[in-house]
């Protein structure tokens, strides 16, 4: 397959080839390994949280890495492996408590996404995210408090964070990334039985409950668009989608349930572009419903992903431009910068100052307080210029507008 590599650097092309070799047994790439700066390839893999997957790809493709780079790469992978072992131990402890207490749950992202990888242990984990029934929130909070976890004081729309030592548990009482309006209601109806139709997966030899594939696919898309339209998406998320599609390509749920919903809520174009992107650049199998996606939009989106890094870590200003693009992906990119900025401030006030639910009259005073606080932090050099984010926001939004996120193709009923 002849693929344009747009304006990707040689090292980015090398990283994509390594991921393709690891995840989808792609044949050796046409580039010569002697021409790549492997230190930069390693650095790029770290920016995207895929260092261990890429190292496996180097081995599978027979790439001879310089000894100094190989040693550093092995050290990075060992650190990630130790983190994964710790993650597995915490998750095993958590799921044991929940099952013993007869509290339904499923693990989100993390180990649930890794279960679709050829080598699940190579997927780097973050926090332990899990979904519970809203009605069980008090019981789960009491259980975690009893086990020594501290509840993070800041409230959130869909989750609560618990901390203990260096461990974070993210307890979700709703799927992350659910939009507002009718599309959101359709998503909630689709996912209402997620806890009941779970599937059992393995992590480090221990079983855990994960969402059924048709639920996992939607949860992945919601999570991906949320980060894409805010701080940025990384190759780790691209790999998650690539492996999921490859493993479930012929499953009946796509045509029977998931694709009709994606059309109705306005996520089909995003799913198709991501699937075609994975086929072009990671050698994943391409589903027929994504085969006609133009290559140019895939190249533009992948350029954006490579430029930002995992959760936007490569450029803080660029990541911060997300507040001008969308309200954390709640309504796609349908609104302008000023609207998004005001909506983001309103949401921050509502989430971080829950007393406004009882005393709405406090809203204007808190708006003024947060505006003055931002101005002061900007003057003292502790915040970046908001105007400096405008160009990044325009550049990113021009790409994201083509994805038509949460712009339904038909009326949601």
Protein backbone atom coordinates (compact mmCIF):
# COMPACT_ATOMS: atom_id res chain seq x y z
CA UNK A 1 0.00 0.00 0.00
CA UNK A 2 1.45 3.36 -1.01
CA UNK A 3 0.92 5.84 1.79
CA UNK A 4 1.77 9.52 1.92
CA UNK A 5 3.67 10.36 5.09
CA UNK A 6 2.62 14.00 4.88
CA UNK A 7 5.13 16.11 6.84
CA UNK A 8 6.00 13.45 9.42
CA UNK A 9 9.62 13.38 10.49
CA UNK A 10 11.71 10.37 9.60
CA UNK A 11 11.73 9.38 13.27
CA UNK A 12 7.94 9.57 13.49
CA UNK A 13 7.69 7.32 10.44
CA UNK A 14 10.06 4.89 12.13
CA UNK A 15 7.97 4.88 15.30
CA UNK A 16 4.78 4.18 13.33
CA UNK A 17 6.53 1.31 11.56
CA UNK A 18 7.64 -0.19 14.89
CA UNK A 19 4.11 0.01 16.27
CA UNK A 20 2.74 -1.60 13.12
CA UNK A 21 5.25 -4.44 13.43
CA UNK A 22 4.39 -5.01 17.09
CA UNK A 23 0.60 -4.72 16.93
CA UNK A 24 -0.22 -6.08 13.48
CA UNK A 25 2.83 -8.08 12.38
CA UNK A 26 3.45 -5.63 9.56
CA UNK A 27 6.36 -6.47 7.25
CA UNK A 28 9.60 -4.50 7.69
CA UNK A 29 9.21 -0.91 6.52
CA UNK A 30 10.97 0.41 3.44
CA UNK A 31 13.11 2.85 5.42
CA UNK A 32 16.66 1.93 6.36
CA UNK A 33 17.17 1.59 10.09
CA UNK A 34 20.66 3.04 9.71
CA UNK A 35 19.16 6.41 8.70
CA UNK A 36 16.99 6.96 11.76
CA UNK A 37 18.06 8.87 14.87
CA UNK A 38 16.97 6.20 17.32
CA UNK A 39 17.40 8.47 20.33
CA UNK A 40 14.69 10.67 18.84
CA UNK A 41 12.50 7.65 18.07
CA UNK A 42 12.79 6.61 21.72
CA UNK A 43 11.96 10.14 22.88
CA UNK A 44 8.94 10.23 20.56
CA UNK A 45 7.71 6.88 21.90
CA UNK A 46 7.95 8.20 25.47
CA UNK A 47 5.97 11.33 24.53
CA UNK A 48 3.19 9.02 23.31
CA UNK A 49 3.38 6.41 26.11
CA UNK A 50 4.15 3.58 23.65
CA UNK A 51 7.82 2.89 24.37
CA UNK A 52 7.38 -0.76 25.32
CA UNK A 53 5.13 -1.53 22.35
CA UNK A 54 7.65 0.13 20.02
CA UNK A 55 10.56 -1.81 21.49
CA UNK A 56 8.72 -5.05 20.82
CA UNK A 57 8.21 -3.83 17.25
CA UNK A 58 11.94 -3.22 16.85
CA UNK A 59 12.60 -6.78 17.91
CA UNK A 60 9.88 -8.16 15.62
CA UNK A 61 11.19 -6.17 12.64
CA UNK A 62 14.81 -7.14 13.30
CA UNK A 63 15.97 -3.55 13.84
CA UNK A 64 19.50 -3.30 15.22
CA UNK A 65 19.35 -0.48 17.74
CA UNK A 66 22.59 1.23 18.82
CA UNK A 67 23.66 -0.29 22.17
CA UNK A 68 23.38 2.99 24.09
CA UNK A 69 19.85 3.59 22.80
CA UNK A 70 18.83 -0.02 23.40
CA UNK A 71 20.00 0.20 27.02
CA UNK A 72 18.02 3.39 27.63
CA UNK A 73 14.98 1.91 25.89
CA UNK A 74 15.18 -1.20 28.06
CA UNK A 75 15.42 0.98 31.17
CA UNK A 76 12.32 2.96 30.16
CA UNK A 77 10.44 -0.26 29.42
CA UNK A 78 11.48 -1.71 32.77
CA UNK A 79 10.12 1.34 34.58
CA UNK A 80 6.84 0.98 32.69
CA UNK A 81 6.75 -2.75 33.44
CA UNK A 82 7.17 -2.09 37.16
CA UNK A 83 4.37 0.49 37.02
CA UNK A 84 2.16 -2.05 35.25
CA UNK A 85 2.86 -4.68 37.91
CA UNK A 86 1.90 -2.18 40.60
CA UNK A 87 -1.24 -1.27 38.62
CA UNK A 88 -2.18 -4.95 38.32
CA UNK A 89 -1.76 -5.49 42.06
CA UNK A 90 -3.94 -2.48 42.89
CA UNK A 91 -6.60 -3.52 40.38
CA UNK A 92 -6.60 -7.11 41.68
CA UNK A 93 -7.07 -5.79 45.23
CA UNK A 94 -9.87 -3.44 44.16
CA UNK A 95 -11.83 -6.00 42.15
CA UNK A 96 -11.54 -8.49 44.99
CA UNK A 97 -13.09 -6.01 47.41
CA UNK A 98 -15.90 -5.11 45.01
CA UNK A 99 -16.77 -8.70 44.17
CA UNK A 100 -16.67 -9.77 47.82
CA UNK A 101 -19.06 -6.92 48.66
CA UNK A 102 -21.28 -7.87 45.70
CA UNK A 103 -20.89 -4.40 44.13
CA UNK A 104 -21.12 -4.54 40.30
CA UNK A 105 -18.28 -2.90 38.36
CA UNK A 106 -16.30 -2.96 35.12
CA UNK A 107 -12.74 -1.79 34.54
CA UNK A 108 -12.51 1.06 32.03
CA UNK A 109 -9.65 1.85 29.62
CA UNK A 110 -6.31 0.58 31.00
CA UNK A 111 -6.42 -3.19 31.35
CA UNK A 112 -9.71 -3.36 29.43
CA UNK A 113 -8.04 -1.77 26.40
CA UNK A 114 -4.88 -3.87 26.85
CA UNK A 115 -6.94 -7.07 26.62
CA UNK A 116 -7.23 -6.50 22.85
CA UNK A 117 -3.44 -6.17 22.34
CA UNK A 118 -1.35 -9.10 21.04
CA UNK A 119 0.77 -8.67 24.19
CA UNK A 120 -1.43 -6.95 26.82
CA UNK A 121 1.45 -6.43 29.24
CA UNK A 122 3.09 -3.98 26.82
CA UNK A 123 0.28 -1.45 27.03
CA UNK A 124 1.26 1.21 29.56
CA UNK A 125 -1.32 1.83 32.29
CA UNK A 126 -2.21 5.01 34.14
CA UNK A 127 -4.75 5.17 36.94
CA UNK A 128 -7.11 2.31 37.73
CA UNK A 129 -10.44 3.45 36.25
CA UNK A 130 -13.62 1.58 37.08
CA UNK A 131 -17.33 2.09 36.52
CA UNK A 132 -19.98 1.45 39.16
CA UNK A 133 -23.75 1.94 39.43
CA UNK A 134 -24.61 5.47 40.62
CA UNK A 135 -26.79 3.95 43.32
CA UNK A 136 -23.71 2.18 44.75
CA UNK A 137 -21.57 5.31 45.01
CA UNK A 138 -21.94 5.75 48.78
CA UNK A 139 -21.24 2.06 49.43
CA UNK A 140 -18.12 2.04 47.26
CA UNK A 141 -16.85 5.27 48.79
CA UNK A 142 -17.31 3.82 52.28
CA UNK A 143 -15.47 0.64 51.23
CA UNK A 144 -12.50 2.53 49.79
CA UNK A 145 -12.31 4.82 52.81
CA UNK A 146 -12.26 1.77 55.06
CA UNK A 147 -9.34 0.40 53.02
CA UNK A 148 -7.29 3.55 53.55
CA UNK A 149 -8.07 5.60 50.44
CA UNK A 150 -8.68 9.36 50.64
CA UNK A 151 -11.39 10.98 48.52
CA UNK A 152 -10.15 13.85 46.39
CA UNK A 153 -12.06 16.94 47.46
CA UNK A 154 -12.78 18.23 43.94
CA UNK A 155 -16.05 17.01 42.46
CA UNK A 156 -16.41 15.98 38.82
CA UNK A 157 -19.29 15.33 36.44
CA UNK A 158 -18.66 11.62 36.06
CA UNK A 159 -15.98 10.42 38.48
CA UNK A 160 -14.39 10.73 41.90
CA UNK A 161 -10.66 10.29 42.49
CA UNK A 162 -9.35 8.31 45.45
CA UNK A 163 -5.70 8.39 46.55
CA UNK A 164 -3.55 6.18 48.74
CA UNK A 165 0.22 6.58 48.81
CA UNK A 166 1.20 6.76 45.14
CA UNK A 167 -1.94 4.99 43.89
CA UNK A 168 -4.96 6.63 42.26
CA UNK A 169 -8.35 5.00 41.77
CA UNK A 170 -10.77 6.79 39.44
CA UNK A 171 -14.30 5.74 40.37
CA UNK A 172 -16.72 6.50 37.53
CA UNK A 173 -20.46 6.61 38.05
CA UNK A 174 -20.96 7.49 34.36
CA UNK A 175 -18.95 6.76 31.23
CA UNK A 176 -16.39 9.49 30.49
CA UNK A 177 -17.00 11.75 27.50
CA UNK A 178 -20.81 11.48 27.31
CA UNK A 179 -22.15 14.49 25.36
CA UNK A 180 -24.97 16.80 26.34
CA UNK A 181 -28.46 16.84 24.83
CA UNK A 182 -30.23 14.10 22.89
CA UNK A 183 -26.98 12.43 21.82
CA UNK A 184 -26.03 12.07 25.46
CA UNK A 185 -29.38 10.53 26.32
CA UNK A 186 -28.94 8.01 23.48
CA UNK A 187 -25.46 7.12 24.77
CA UNK A 188 -26.77 6.61 28.30
CA UNK A 189 -29.57 4.36 27.03
CA UNK A 190 -27.07 2.30 25.01
CA UNK A 191 -24.77 1.86 28.02
CA UNK A 192 -27.43 1.34 30.66
CA UNK A 193 -26.76 -2.42 30.92
CA UNK A 194 -22.94 -2.20 30.77
CA UNK A 195 -22.47 -3.55 34.28
CA UNK A 196 -24.73 -6.53 33.59
CA UNK A 197 -23.30 -7.64 30.23
CA UNK A 198 -19.63 -7.53 31.22
CA UNK A 199 -16.98 -9.85 29.81
CA UNK A 200 -14.19 -11.42 31.88
CA UNK A 201 -10.58 -10.60 30.89
CA UNK A 202 -7.21 -11.36 32.43
CA UNK A 203 -4.49 -9.07 33.78
CA UNK A 204 -1.27 -10.65 35.02
CA UNK A 205 -3.19 -13.93 35.38
CA UNK A 206 -5.99 -12.40 37.44
CA UNK A 207 -9.55 -12.18 36.07
CA UNK A 208 -11.48 -8.90 36.04
CA UNK A 209 -14.72 -7.62 34.58
CA UNK A 210 -14.46 -5.45 31.47
CA UNK A 211 -17.19 -3.92 29.30
CA UNK A 212 -18.64 -6.13 26.58
CA UNK A 213 -16.96 -5.35 23.22
CA UNK A 214 -19.87 -3.28 21.87
CA UNK A 215 -19.78 -1.15 25.03
CA UNK A 216 -15.99 -0.97 25.13
CA UNK A 217 -15.90 0.36 21.56
CA UNK A 218 -18.25 3.22 22.37
CA UNK A 219 -16.44 4.00 25.64
CA UNK A 220 -13.13 4.15 23.75
CA UNK A 221 -14.55 6.58 21.18
CA UNK A 222 -16.08 8.82 23.84
CA UNK A 223 -12.82 8.89 25.76
CA UNK A 224 -10.76 9.55 22.63
CA UNK A 225 -12.87 12.45 21.36
CA UNK A 226 -12.87 13.97 24.86
CA UNK A 227 -9.08 14.12 24.95
CA UNK A 228 -8.66 14.96 21.26
CA UNK A 229 -10.83 18.07 21.58
CA UNK A 230 -9.22 19.18 24.84
CA UNK A 231 -5.54 18.69 25.69
CA UNK A 232 -4.80 16.24 22.87
CA UNK A 233 -4.67 12.59 21.92
CA UNK A 234 -1.61 10.34 21.93
CA UNK A 235 -0.53 7.28 19.96
CA UNK A 236 -1.39 5.09 22.96
CA UNK A 237 -5.08 5.86 22.31
CA UNK A 238 -4.61 5.25 18.58
CA UNK A 239 -3.08 1.85 19.38
CA UNK A 240 -6.03 1.05 21.67
CA UNK A 241 -8.49 1.68 18.84
CA UNK A 242 -6.34 -0.13 16.29
CA UNK A 243 -6.16 -3.29 18.38
CA UNK A 244 -9.84 -3.20 19.27
CA UNK A 245 -10.97 -2.89 15.64
CA UNK A 246 -8.54 -5.61 14.53
CA UNK A 247 -9.86 -8.07 17.14
CA UNK A 248 -13.57 -7.36 16.57
CA UNK A 249 -13.65 -6.55 12.85
CA UNK A 250 -16.17 -9.26 11.92
CA UNK A 251 -18.24 -9.20 15.11
CA UNK A 252 -21.99 -8.77 14.43
CA UNK A 253 -22.41 -6.01 17.02
CA UNK A 254 -20.89 -3.45 14.62
CA UNK A 255 -23.75 -3.65 12.13
CA UNK A 256 -26.43 -4.62 14.61
CA UNK A 257 -25.88 -2.06 17.36
CA UNK A 258 -22.79 0.12 17.38
CA UNK A 259 -22.65 1.63 13.87
CA UNK A 260 -26.36 2.65 13.87
CA UNK A 261 -25.79 4.42 17.19
CA UNK A 262 -22.63 6.16 15.92
CA UNK A 263 -24.56 7.52 12.94
CA UNK A 264 -27.32 8.80 15.20
CA UNK A 265 -25.11 10.56 17.76
CA UNK A 266 -22.49 11.92 15.37
CA UNK A 267 -19.47 9.73 16.08
CA UNK A 268 -19.47 7.65 12.90
CA UNK A 269 -17.15 9.95 10.94
CA UNK A 270 -14.69 10.04 13.83
CA UNK A 271 -14.75 6.24 14.14
CA UNK A 272 -14.28 5.82 10.38
CA UNK A 273 -11.38 8.29 10.19
CA UNK A 274 -9.61 6.66 13.15
CA UNK A 275 -10.10 3.20 11.63
CA UNK A 276 -8.77 4.26 8.23
CA UNK A 277 -5.86 6.07 9.92
CA UNK A 278 -4.93 2.87 11.76
CA UNK A 279 -5.11 0.91 8.50
CA UNK A 280 -2.91 3.39 6.63
CA UNK A 281 -0.22 3.97 9.25
CA UNK A 282 -0.33 0.96 11.59
CA UNK A 283 -1.25 -1.73 9.01
CA UNK A 284 -4.40 -2.63 10.92
CA UNK A 285 -7.21 -4.27 8.95
CA UNK A 286 -9.62 -1.65 7.62
CA UNK A 287 -13.35 -2.25 8.10
CA UNK A 288 -15.38 -1.81 4.89
CA UNK A 289 -17.37 1.06 6.41
CA UNK A 290 -14.14 3.09 6.71
CA UNK A 291 -12.53 2.20 3.38
CA UNK A 292 -13.62 5.38 1.56
CA UNK A 293 -12.26 7.88 4.09
CA UNK A 294 -9.86 10.25 2.24
CA UNK A 295 -6.21 9.76 3.08
CA UNK A 296 -5.62 13.51 3.51
CA UNK A 297 -7.87 13.84 6.55
CA UNK A 298 -6.14 10.83 8.15
CA UNK A 299 -2.75 12.40 7.53
CA UNK A 300 -3.89 15.74 8.97
CA UNK A 301 -5.31 14.11 12.08
CA UNK A 302 -2.23 11.96 12.63
CA UNK A 303 -0.02 15.04 12.21
CA UNK A 304 -2.06 16.72 14.92
CA UNK A 305 -1.71 13.69 17.21
CA UNK A 306 2.04 13.42 16.65
CA UNK A 307 2.48 17.15 17.24
CA UNK A 308 0.67 17.10 20.57
CA UNK A 309 1.78 13.89 22.24
CA UNK A 310 -0.04 11.90 24.92
CA UNK A 311 -2.43 14.31 26.69
CA UNK A 312 -0.68 17.19 24.91
CA UNK A 313 2.58 16.73 26.82
CA UNK A 314 4.78 17.98 23.93
CA UNK A 315 3.43 21.55 24.01
CA UNK A 316 1.67 23.05 27.02
CA UNK A 317 0.32 26.07 25.15
CA UNK A 318 -1.05 23.89 22.39
CA UNK A 319 -2.68 21.56 24.90
CA UNK A 320 -4.23 24.54 26.69
CA UNK A 321 -5.87 25.71 23.47
CA UNK A 322 -8.49 23.03 24.02
CA UNK A 323 -10.54 25.43 26.17
CA UNK A 324 -11.15 27.46 23.00
CA UNK A 325 -12.03 24.45 20.84
CA UNK A 326 -14.65 22.59 22.85
CA UNK A 327 -16.09 22.09 26.33
CA UNK A 328 -14.19 18.88 27.04
CA UNK A 329 -15.85 17.30 24.00
CA UNK A 330 -19.38 17.73 25.37
CA UNK A 331 -20.70 19.40 22.19
CA UNK A 332 -18.04 18.69 19.59
CA UNK A 333 -16.63 21.75 17.81
CA UNK A 334 -19.94 23.38 16.94
CA UNK A 335 -19.33 26.60 18.89
CA UNK A 336 -16.86 29.47 18.64
CA UNK A 337 -13.91 30.29 20.88
CA UNK A 338 -15.66 32.82 23.15
CA UNK A 339 -18.62 30.49 23.72
CA UNK A 340 -16.30 27.59 24.56
CA UNK A 341 -14.21 29.72 26.92
CA UNK A 342 -17.31 30.96 28.79
CA UNK A 343 -18.83 27.45 28.89
CA UNK A 344 -15.57 26.03 30.24
CA UNK A 345 -15.46 28.69 32.97
CA UNK A 346 -19.10 27.99 33.88
CA UNK A 347 -18.38 24.27 34.13
CA UNK A 348 -15.27 24.91 36.26
CA UNK A 349 -17.28 27.09 38.65
CA UNK A 350 -20.06 24.52 38.87
CA UNK A 351 -17.66 21.59 39.46
CA UNK A 352 -15.10 23.28 41.71
CA UNK A 353 -17.57 25.35 43.74
CA UNK A 354 -20.53 23.01 44.33
CA UNK A 355 -22.16 25.51 46.71
CA UNK A 356 -23.55 27.33 43.62
CA UNK A 357 -26.12 24.55 43.28
CA UNK A 358 -27.72 25.89 46.47
CA UNK A 359 -26.90 29.56 45.97
CA UNK A 360 -26.91 30.37 42.21
CA UNK A 361 -26.50 34.07 43.04
CA UNK A 362 -22.81 33.29 43.65
CA UNK A 363 -22.14 32.54 39.97
CA UNK A 364 -21.26 36.11 38.83
CA UNK A 365 -19.00 36.68 41.84
CA UNK A 366 -17.13 33.43 41.17
CA UNK A 367 -16.79 34.33 37.47
CA UNK A 368 -15.17 37.62 38.48
CA UNK A 369 -12.98 35.89 41.05
CA UNK A 370 -11.69 33.32 38.55
CA UNK A 371 -11.08 35.99 35.90
CA UNK A 372 -9.10 38.19 38.30
CA UNK A 373 -7.22 35.14 39.61
CA UNK A 374 -6.23 34.10 36.07
CA UNK A 375 -5.09 37.66 35.29
CA UNK A 376 -2.95 37.73 38.43
CA UNK A 377 -1.38 34.35 37.70
CA UNK A 378 -0.69 35.54 34.16
CA UNK A 379 0.99 38.73 35.40
CA UNK A 380 3.15 36.75 37.82
CA UNK A 381 4.20 34.32 35.09
CA UNK A 382 2.35 31.29 36.49
CA UNK A 383 -0.11 31.05 33.59
CA UNK A 384 0.47 31.17 29.85
CA UNK A 385 -1.15 33.85 27.74
CA UNK A 386 -4.65 32.97 26.59
CA UNK A 387 -4.07 34.91 23.37
CA UNK A 388 -1.06 32.70 22.70
CA UNK A 389 -3.40 29.75 22.39
CA UNK A 390 -5.62 31.25 19.69
CA UNK A 391 -3.47 30.25 16.71
CA UNK A 392 -3.16 26.70 18.02
CA UNK A 393 -6.92 26.55 18.54
CA UNK A 394 -7.64 27.71 14.97
CA UNK A 395 -5.19 25.19 13.54
CA UNK A 396 -6.57 22.29 15.55
CA UNK A 397 -10.22 23.19 15.09
CA UNK A 398 -9.81 23.28 11.31
CA UNK A 399 -8.92 19.58 11.49
CA UNK A 400 -11.49 18.57 14.07
CA UNK A 401 -14.36 20.28 12.24
CA UNK A 402 -13.96 17.66 9.51
CA UNK A 403 -14.75 14.91 12.04
CA UNK A 404 -18.28 16.26 12.70
CA UNK A 405 -18.17 15.09 16.31
CA UNK A 406 -21.67 14.94 17.82
CA UNK A 407 -23.27 16.23 14.63
CA UNK A 408 -25.91 13.50 14.11
CA UNK A 409 -26.61 12.26 10.59
CA UNK A 410 -30.23 11.76 11.55
CA UNK A 411 -32.48 12.91 14.35
CA UNK A 412 -31.77 11.11 17.61
CA UNK A 413 -34.90 9.55 19.03
